[in-house]
Amino acid sequence: MAESWRSLYPFQSHYFEREKLRYHYVDEGASPSAAKRPLLFVHGNPTWSFYWRELIAGLKADYRCIAVDHIGCGLSDKPQDYPYSLAKHTENLVALVEKLDLKNCTLLAHDWGGAIGLGCAAQLRERFSQLVLFNTAAFPPPYIPKRIQLCRVPILGTLGVRGLNLFARAAITMATEEPQRMTAAVKAGFLAPYNNWHNRVAIDAFVKDIPWTRAHPTYQVLEDLETKLAKITHLQQLLVWGMRDWCFRSECLDRLKRTFTQAEELRFDTAGHYVVQDRPAEILERLHTFLAQVKSV
């Protein structure tokens, strides 16, 4: 059944109007009678807040769980003429954090969400207390996998990504090491917002925003971000990694560890890039322990 994925994502939608666009997020566990510490979930490409569904379900009883959909992604508006870039996505996230007045917040970020979320945390460091990073990076890419390079070929790359949905469709098999967990409903959920050329605009834009050379504007943004990470090394950190990731390989983990020298680690030797999809139960168990150790800022 085409809509069966909705039972896996039983969350109420909220929208923040951002420059006349609807910026979608879920806000689960919030209670007017008892304030709960906020957890901010930030997805990458080609996912959306659906990626975090099992962590939200397992944490919302104790925490306020906020998961965004970047403009162009998930259930947010998908303008065709928009400055899709790391800098713009970060700017949007900063605006939402300030709008919701989040304090003593834990960032949980994956893939491109790492650079976006860490950029926000570095700018609003007084609002954050913990960082949980999942198979991500916050520096200019040391390499670009060939299968992603193919998606950047002029004209043909866009035809594949937007026309045939090759990037998102490939991810539901190539980003996981647990195919039995990628049921028909889960696959439908990952792909649901990206069902036509129009709706795949941001997927294509994210791929094009990977800086290949210093001449690319996002190269400098990532270079500056790595420098700014020094401002948030005092926050508690947990690095969660699927070691069979062919994109954010162990080199990325090692480079983050050189900055976050006090970080705790949770490695899964048999998990892939979609580590939360592959190992939700084990991650939840570790998160309950890690989150309980928070030191207010």
Protein backbone atom coordinates (compact mmCIF):
# COMPACT_ATOMS: atom_id res chain seq x y z
CA MET A 1 0.00 0.00 0.00
CA ALA A 2 1.52 3.29 -1.13
CA GLU A 3 0.66 5.17 2.06
CA SER A 4 1.66 2.40 4.49
CA TRP A 5 4.78 4.36 5.45
CA ARG A 6 2.62 6.89 7.30
CA SER A 7 2.06 4.45 10.15
CA LEU A 8 5.84 4.53 10.67
CA TYR A 9 5.79 8.32 10.90
CA PRO A 10 2.83 9.15 13.16
CA PHE A 11 4.02 12.65 13.99
CA GLN A 12 2.15 15.92 13.82
CA SER A 13 3.49 18.40 11.29
CA HIS A 14 4.55 21.92 12.26
CA TYR A 15 5.61 24.69 9.93
CA PHE A 16 7.84 27.72 10.38
CA GLU A 17 7.31 30.35 7.71
CA ARG A 18 10.72 31.25 6.42
CA GLU A 19 10.95 33.86 3.67
CA LYS A 20 7.38 32.98 2.55
CA LEU A 21 8.26 29.27 2.44
CA ARG A 22 6.99 26.54 4.75
CA TYR A 23 9.87 24.97 6.69
CA HIS A 24 8.52 21.68 8.08
CA TYR A 25 9.46 20.11 11.38
CA VAL A 26 8.06 17.67 13.91
CA ASP A 27 7.98 18.54 17.59
CA GLU A 28 7.25 15.45 19.66
CA GLY A 29 7.26 15.13 23.43
CA ALA A 30 6.75 18.83 24.10
CA SER A 31 4.45 19.39 27.05
CA PRO A 32 3.02 22.69 28.30
CA SER A 33 3.00 21.35 31.85
CA ALA A 34 6.55 20.02 31.98
CA ALA A 35 9.38 21.43 29.92
CA LYS A 36 11.58 18.72 28.44
CA ARG A 37 15.13 19.16 27.28
CA PRO A 38 15.19 19.56 23.47
CA LEU A 39 16.86 17.22 21.01
CA LEU A 40 17.37 18.67 17.53
CA PHE A 41 17.55 16.11 14.70
CA VAL A 42 19.09 17.28 11.41
CA HIS A 43 19.00 15.03 8.34
CA GLY A 44 21.20 14.82 5.27
CA ASN A 45 20.73 13.96 1.59
CA PRO A 46 18.61 12.25 0.26
CA THR A 47 16.69 11.65 3.49
CA TRP A 48 14.30 13.73 5.58
CA SER A 49 12.93 13.68 9.14
CA PHE A 50 11.55 10.19 8.44
CA TYR A 51 15.13 8.95 8.93
CA TRP A 52 14.91 9.76 12.65
CA ARG A 53 11.49 8.16 13.28
CA GLU A 54 12.68 5.29 15.51
CA LEU A 55 14.89 7.50 17.66
CA ILE A 56 12.08 10.02 18.09
CA ALA A 57 9.66 7.26 19.08
CA GLY A 58 12.13 5.93 21.63
CA LEU A 59 13.08 9.29 23.16
CA LYS A 60 9.98 11.47 23.09
CA ALA A 61 8.71 10.24 26.47
CA ASP A 62 11.72 11.86 28.15
CA TYR A 63 12.79 14.58 25.73
CA ARG A 64 11.36 17.12 23.35
CA CYS A 65 12.25 15.79 19.91
CA ILE A 66 12.44 18.31 17.06
CA ALA A 67 13.31 17.04 13.59
CA VAL A 68 13.55 19.41 10.64
CA ASP A 69 13.10 19.00 6.91
CA HIS A 70 15.42 21.34 5.05
CA ILE A 71 13.79 23.57 2.47
CA GLY A 72 13.41 21.42 -0.63
CA CYS A 73 13.29 18.23 1.43
CA GLY A 74 10.71 16.07 3.16
CA LEU A 75 7.45 17.91 3.79
CA SER A 76 8.94 21.40 3.45
CA ASP A 77 8.24 23.57 0.43
CA LYS A 78 10.34 22.81 -2.64
CA PRO A 79 10.94 26.03 -4.56
CA GLN A 80 12.59 25.61 -7.94
CA ASP A 81 14.44 28.93 -7.85
CA TYR A 82 16.19 28.93 -4.48
CA PRO A 83 19.79 29.36 -3.27
CA TYR A 84 20.22 25.75 -2.12
CA SER A 85 23.57 25.75 -0.33
CA LEU A 86 25.17 24.72 2.94
CA ALA A 87 25.23 28.35 4.06
CA LYS A 88 21.51 28.81 3.35
CA HIS A 89 20.44 25.59 5.07
CA THR A 90 22.49 26.58 8.11
CA GLU A 91 20.91 30.04 8.15
CA ASN A 92 17.44 28.45 8.10
CA LEU A 93 18.27 26.13 10.99
CA VAL A 94 19.64 29.01 13.06
CA ALA A 95 16.38 30.90 12.49
CA LEU A 96 14.30 27.93 13.65
CA VAL A 97 16.38 27.37 16.79
CA GLU A 98 15.96 31.02 17.69
CA LYS A 99 12.25 30.99 16.84
CA LEU A 100 11.65 27.98 19.12
CA ASP A 101 14.03 29.47 21.71
CA LEU A 102 15.78 26.14 22.22
CA LYS A 103 18.16 26.00 25.17
CA ASN A 104 20.41 23.31 26.64
CA CYS A 105 19.87 21.49 23.36
CA THR A 106 21.42 18.29 22.01
CA LEU A 107 22.23 18.21 18.30
CA LEU A 108 21.83 14.88 16.51
CA ALA A 109 23.00 15.13 12.90
CA HIS A 110 23.71 12.84 9.96
CA ASP A 111 25.38 13.25 6.55
CA TRP A 112 24.96 16.87 5.31
CA GLY A 113 23.06 17.50 8.54
CA GLY A 114 26.38 17.38 10.36
CA ALA A 115 27.78 20.40 8.57
CA ILE A 116 24.43 22.21 8.76
CA GLY A 117 23.85 21.39 12.43
CA LEU A 118 27.42 22.08 13.53
CA GLY A 119 27.35 25.41 11.72
CA CYS A 120 24.24 26.27 13.71
CA ALA A 121 25.75 25.06 16.99
CA ALA A 122 28.95 27.06 16.42
CA GLN A 123 26.90 30.19 15.81
CA LEU A 124 24.52 29.61 18.75
CA ARG A 125 26.88 27.73 21.03
CA GLU A 126 25.26 29.06 24.20
CA ARG A 127 22.08 27.16 23.26
CA PHE A 128 23.74 23.72 22.92
CA SER A 129 25.08 21.27 25.48
CA GLN A 130 25.71 18.03 23.54
CA LEU A 131 26.57 16.81 20.04
CA VAL A 132 25.74 13.42 18.57
CA LEU A 133 27.14 12.95 15.07
CA PHE A 134 26.31 10.08 12.73
CA ASN A 135 28.45 9.36 9.64
CA THR A 136 29.09 12.95 8.66
CA ALA A 137 31.77 15.55 8.08
CA ALA A 138 32.40 19.23 8.75
CA PHE A 139 35.31 20.03 6.47
CA PRO A 140 36.05 20.12 2.73
CA PRO A 141 35.69 16.58 1.36
CA PRO A 142 39.00 14.69 1.19
CA TYR A 143 37.51 12.63 -1.66
CA ILE A 144 34.29 12.29 -3.65
CA PRO A 145 33.18 8.70 -4.33
CA LYS A 146 32.92 7.89 -8.04
CA ARG A 147 29.26 6.98 -7.81
CA ILE A 148 28.56 10.51 -6.52
CA GLN A 149 30.84 12.04 -9.15
CA LEU A 150 28.64 10.43 -11.78
CA CYS A 151 25.64 12.28 -10.37
CA ARG A 152 27.47 15.57 -10.92
CA VAL A 153 28.07 15.11 -14.64
CA PRO A 154 26.47 18.13 -16.37
CA ILE A 155 22.98 17.48 -17.74
CA LEU A 156 23.25 13.68 -17.46
CA GLY A 157 23.70 13.84 -13.69
CA THR A 158 20.59 15.96 -13.24
CA LEU A 159 18.61 13.73 -15.58
CA GLY A 160 19.57 10.75 -13.45
CA VAL A 161 18.98 12.39 -10.07
CA ARG A 162 15.81 14.34 -10.90
CA GLY A 163 14.45 12.41 -13.83
CA LEU A 164 15.06 8.80 -12.78
CA ASN A 165 15.46 9.38 -9.02
CA LEU A 166 18.68 7.36 -9.14
CA PHE A 167 20.29 9.00 -6.11
CA ALA A 168 17.45 8.41 -3.65
CA ARG A 169 16.60 4.98 -5.06
CA ALA A 170 20.20 3.83 -4.90
CA ALA A 171 20.47 4.99 -1.28
CA ILE A 172 17.74 2.65 -0.03
CA THR A 173 19.95 -0.28 -0.99
CA MET A 174 23.51 1.06 -1.04
CA ALA A 175 23.38 3.02 2.24
CA THR A 176 22.24 0.12 4.42
CA GLU A 177 23.76 -3.18 5.46
CA GLU A 178 20.48 -4.52 6.88
CA PRO A 179 18.24 -5.10 3.85
CA GLN A 180 15.68 -7.00 5.93
CA ARG A 181 14.94 -3.79 7.85
CA MET A 182 14.41 -1.87 4.61
CA THR A 183 10.85 -3.11 4.14
CA ALA A 184 8.55 -1.93 1.37
CA ALA A 185 6.94 0.55 3.78
CA VAL A 186 10.31 1.92 4.90
CA LYS A 187 11.47 2.31 1.29
CA ALA A 188 8.22 4.10 0.48
CA GLY A 189 8.78 6.43 3.42
CA PHE A 190 12.30 7.40 2.36
CA LEU A 191 11.12 8.07 -1.20
CA ALA A 192 7.67 9.59 -0.55
CA PRO A 193 8.61 13.31 -0.67
CA TYR A 194 10.73 12.82 -3.78
CA ASN A 195 8.16 11.48 -6.22
CA ASN A 196 8.73 13.68 -9.27
CA TRP A 197 11.19 15.98 -11.04
CA HIS A 198 9.93 19.06 -9.19
CA ASN A 199 10.23 17.47 -5.76
CA ARG A 200 13.78 16.20 -6.30
CA VAL A 201 15.26 19.67 -6.77
CA ALA A 202 17.11 19.71 -3.43
CA ILE A 203 18.57 16.23 -3.87
CA ASP A 204 20.24 17.41 -7.05
CA ALA A 205 21.29 20.68 -5.42
CA PHE A 206 22.92 18.93 -2.45
CA VAL A 207 25.00 16.82 -4.84
CA LYS A 208 26.08 19.92 -6.74
CA ASP A 209 26.93 21.69 -3.48
CA ILE A 210 29.73 19.24 -2.71
CA PRO A 211 32.83 21.37 -3.35
CA TRP A 212 35.24 19.69 -5.74
CA THR A 213 37.75 22.56 -5.77
CA ARG A 214 38.57 25.68 -3.76
CA ALA A 215 36.73 27.71 -6.39
CA HIS A 216 33.39 26.29 -5.23
CA PRO A 217 31.75 28.70 -2.73
CA THR A 218 30.92 25.91 -0.26
CA TYR A 219 34.60 24.92 -0.01
CA GLN A 220 35.33 28.08 1.98
CA VAL A 221 32.20 27.61 4.09
CA LEU A 222 33.36 24.12 5.09
CA GLU A 223 36.92 25.28 5.66
CA ASP A 224 35.66 28.04 7.96
CA LEU A 225 33.34 25.60 9.72
CA GLU A 226 36.18 23.25 10.62
CA THR A 227 38.00 26.17 12.20
CA LYS A 228 34.89 27.21 14.13
CA LEU A 229 34.49 23.75 15.66
CA ALA A 230 37.03 24.84 18.26
CA LYS A 231 34.25 26.98 19.77
CA ILE A 232 32.15 23.91 20.64
CA THR A 233 34.73 21.35 21.72
CA HIS A 234 33.64 21.92 25.32
CA LEU A 235 30.26 20.35 24.57
CA GLN A 236 29.78 16.67 25.31
CA GLN A 237 30.17 14.61 22.15
CA LEU A 238 29.21 11.18 20.89
CA LEU A 239 30.29 9.91 17.46
CA VAL A 240 28.13 7.09 16.06
CA TRP A 241 29.49 5.38 12.95
CA GLY A 242 28.52 2.67 10.53
CA MET A 243 31.94 1.42 9.48
CA ARG A 244 30.77 0.03 6.13
CA ASP A 245 29.88 3.49 4.87
CA TRP A 246 31.45 3.95 1.41
CA CYS A 247 30.85 7.70 1.47
CA PHE A 248 31.67 9.01 4.97
CA ARG A 249 34.42 6.48 5.53
CA SER A 250 36.58 6.00 8.61
CA GLU A 251 38.82 8.87 7.45
CA CYS A 252 35.96 11.25 8.25
CA LEU A 253 35.55 9.78 11.71
CA ASP A 254 39.28 10.08 12.38
CA ARG A 255 39.34 13.70 11.24
CA LEU A 256 36.42 14.62 13.52
CA LYS A 257 38.19 12.89 16.41
CA ARG A 258 41.20 15.15 15.91
CA THR A 259 38.91 18.08 16.79
CA PHE A 260 36.59 16.38 19.28
CA THR A 261 39.33 14.68 21.26
CA GLN A 262 37.07 13.92 24.24
CA ALA A 263 34.30 12.36 22.18
CA GLU A 264 32.73 9.07 23.08
CA GLU A 265 32.40 6.59 20.23
CA LEU A 266 29.90 3.99 19.15
CA ARG A 267 31.07 2.02 16.14
CA PHE A 268 29.15 -0.64 14.23
CA ASP A 269 31.41 -2.79 12.10
CA THR A 270 28.51 -4.20 10.08
CA ALA A 271 26.39 -1.05 9.64
CA GLY A 272 26.35 1.27 6.64
CA HIS A 273 25.80 4.95 5.96
CA TYR A 274 22.19 4.77 7.17
CA VAL A 275 23.47 3.70 10.57
CA VAL A 276 20.28 4.79 12.37
CA GLN A 277 18.25 2.64 9.99
CA ASP A 278 20.60 -0.30 10.54
CA ARG A 279 21.04 -0.15 14.33
CA PRO A 280 18.25 1.85 16.03
CA ALA A 281 17.89 -0.32 19.17
CA GLU A 282 21.59 -0.25 20.05
CA ILE A 283 21.81 3.48 19.33
CA LEU A 284 18.80 4.21 21.52
CA GLU A 285 20.32 2.26 24.40
CA ARG A 286 23.52 4.29 24.21
CA LEU A 287 21.65 7.57 23.75
CA HIS A 288 19.64 7.10 26.94
CA THR A 289 22.93 6.83 28.86
CA PHE A 290 24.66 9.66 27.02
CA LEU A 291 21.79 12.11 27.23
CA ALA A 292 21.43 11.55 30.97
CA GLN A 293 25.01 12.78 31.45
CA VAL A 294 24.27 16.27 30.20
CA LYS A 295 25.91 19.23 31.87
CA SER A 296 23.86 22.38 31.55
CA VAL A 297 25.50 25.30 29.74
